[in-house]
């Protein structure tokens, strides 16, 4: 899974975006997984600090437009 949620210390958790091949750009599914990681953090009473980072040289460049735009277009056509 390209979005990792892991305990680093007693109350410190790390969210890692692991898509270095796309400079950690996210498509619709990865935005969903990132939101799920934040919800996991929010709902964990033992989690006090979240550190978000990316694998490789880039933190996150934003949306992976090559896949994100077709995904959003497909969703719009279903409405």
Protein backbone atom coordinates (compact mmCIF):
# COMPACT_ATOMS: atom_id res chain seq x y z
CA UNK A 1 0.00 0.00 0.00
CA UNK A 2 1.53 3.35 -1.00
CA UNK A 3 0.21 5.11 2.12
CA UNK A 4 1.70 3.70 5.32
CA UNK A 5 0.54 4.46 8.86
CA UNK A 6 2.98 3.31 11.51
CA UNK A 7 3.80 3.87 15.16
CA UNK A 8 7.19 5.52 15.69
CA UNK A 9 7.11 6.03 19.46
CA UNK A 10 4.61 5.88 22.34
CA UNK A 11 2.33 8.60 20.99
CA UNK A 12 4.01 9.48 17.69
CA UNK A 13 2.79 8.06 14.40
CA UNK A 14 4.10 8.51 10.89
CA UNK A 15 2.10 8.69 7.67
CA UNK A 16 4.33 7.91 4.70
CA UNK A 17 3.44 8.56 1.06
CA UNK A 18 5.32 5.82 -0.81
CA UNK A 19 5.03 6.53 -4.54
CA UNK A 20 8.53 7.76 -5.45
CA UNK A 21 8.05 6.70 -9.09
CA UNK A 22 5.46 9.51 -9.40
CA UNK A 23 7.24 11.92 -7.03
CA UNK A 24 4.58 10.89 -4.48
CA UNK A 25 1.75 12.30 -6.60
CA UNK A 26 -1.64 10.94 -5.57
CA UNK A 27 -4.57 9.74 -7.62
CA UNK A 28 -8.12 9.32 -6.36
CA UNK A 29 -7.40 6.01 -4.62
CA UNK A 30 -4.30 7.31 -2.87
CA UNK A 31 -6.10 10.47 -1.71
CA UNK A 32 -8.70 8.11 -0.24
CA UNK A 33 -5.98 6.09 1.51
CA UNK A 34 -4.34 9.25 2.85
CA UNK A 35 -7.69 10.42 4.24
CA UNK A 36 -8.15 6.98 5.86
CA UNK A 37 -4.74 7.31 7.54
CA UNK A 38 -5.76 10.71 8.96
CA UNK A 39 -9.04 9.22 10.23
CA UNK A 40 -7.11 6.39 11.89
CA UNK A 41 -4.92 8.99 13.60
CA UNK A 42 -7.93 11.09 14.63
CA UNK A 43 -9.73 8.13 16.17
CA UNK A 44 -6.73 6.78 18.10
CA UNK A 45 -6.67 8.23 21.62
CA UNK A 46 -3.07 7.03 21.97
CA UNK A 47 -1.92 9.06 18.94
CA UNK A 48 -0.82 12.57 19.89
CA UNK A 49 1.53 13.54 17.04
CA UNK A 50 1.42 12.66 13.34
CA UNK A 51 4.42 13.17 11.08
CA UNK A 52 3.67 13.05 7.37
CA UNK A 53 6.49 12.43 4.95
CA UNK A 54 7.22 11.11 1.48
CA UNK A 55 9.63 8.47 0.17
CA UNK A 56 12.48 9.67 -2.01
CA UNK A 57 13.39 13.22 -2.91
CA UNK A 58 9.86 14.64 -2.96
CA UNK A 59 7.35 15.09 -0.18
CA UNK A 60 4.34 15.16 -2.54
CA UNK A 61 3.92 17.04 -5.80
CA UNK A 62 0.11 16.98 -5.69
CA UNK A 63 -2.35 15.09 -7.84
CA UNK A 64 -1.14 12.47 -10.33
CA UNK A 65 -2.96 14.14 -13.22
CA UNK A 66 -2.37 11.25 -15.63
CA UNK A 67 -4.67 9.07 -13.56
CA UNK A 68 -6.58 11.56 -11.40
CA UNK A 69 -8.26 13.46 -14.25
CA UNK A 70 -9.61 10.31 -15.95
CA UNK A 71 -10.83 9.03 -12.57
CA UNK A 72 -12.65 12.28 -11.78
CA UNK A 73 -14.07 12.46 -15.31
CA UNK A 74 -15.43 8.94 -14.98
CA UNK A 75 -17.05 9.79 -11.64
CA UNK A 76 -18.61 12.94 -13.10
CA UNK A 77 -20.13 10.97 -15.98
CA UNK A 78 -21.81 8.60 -13.50
CA UNK A 79 -23.67 11.46 -11.82
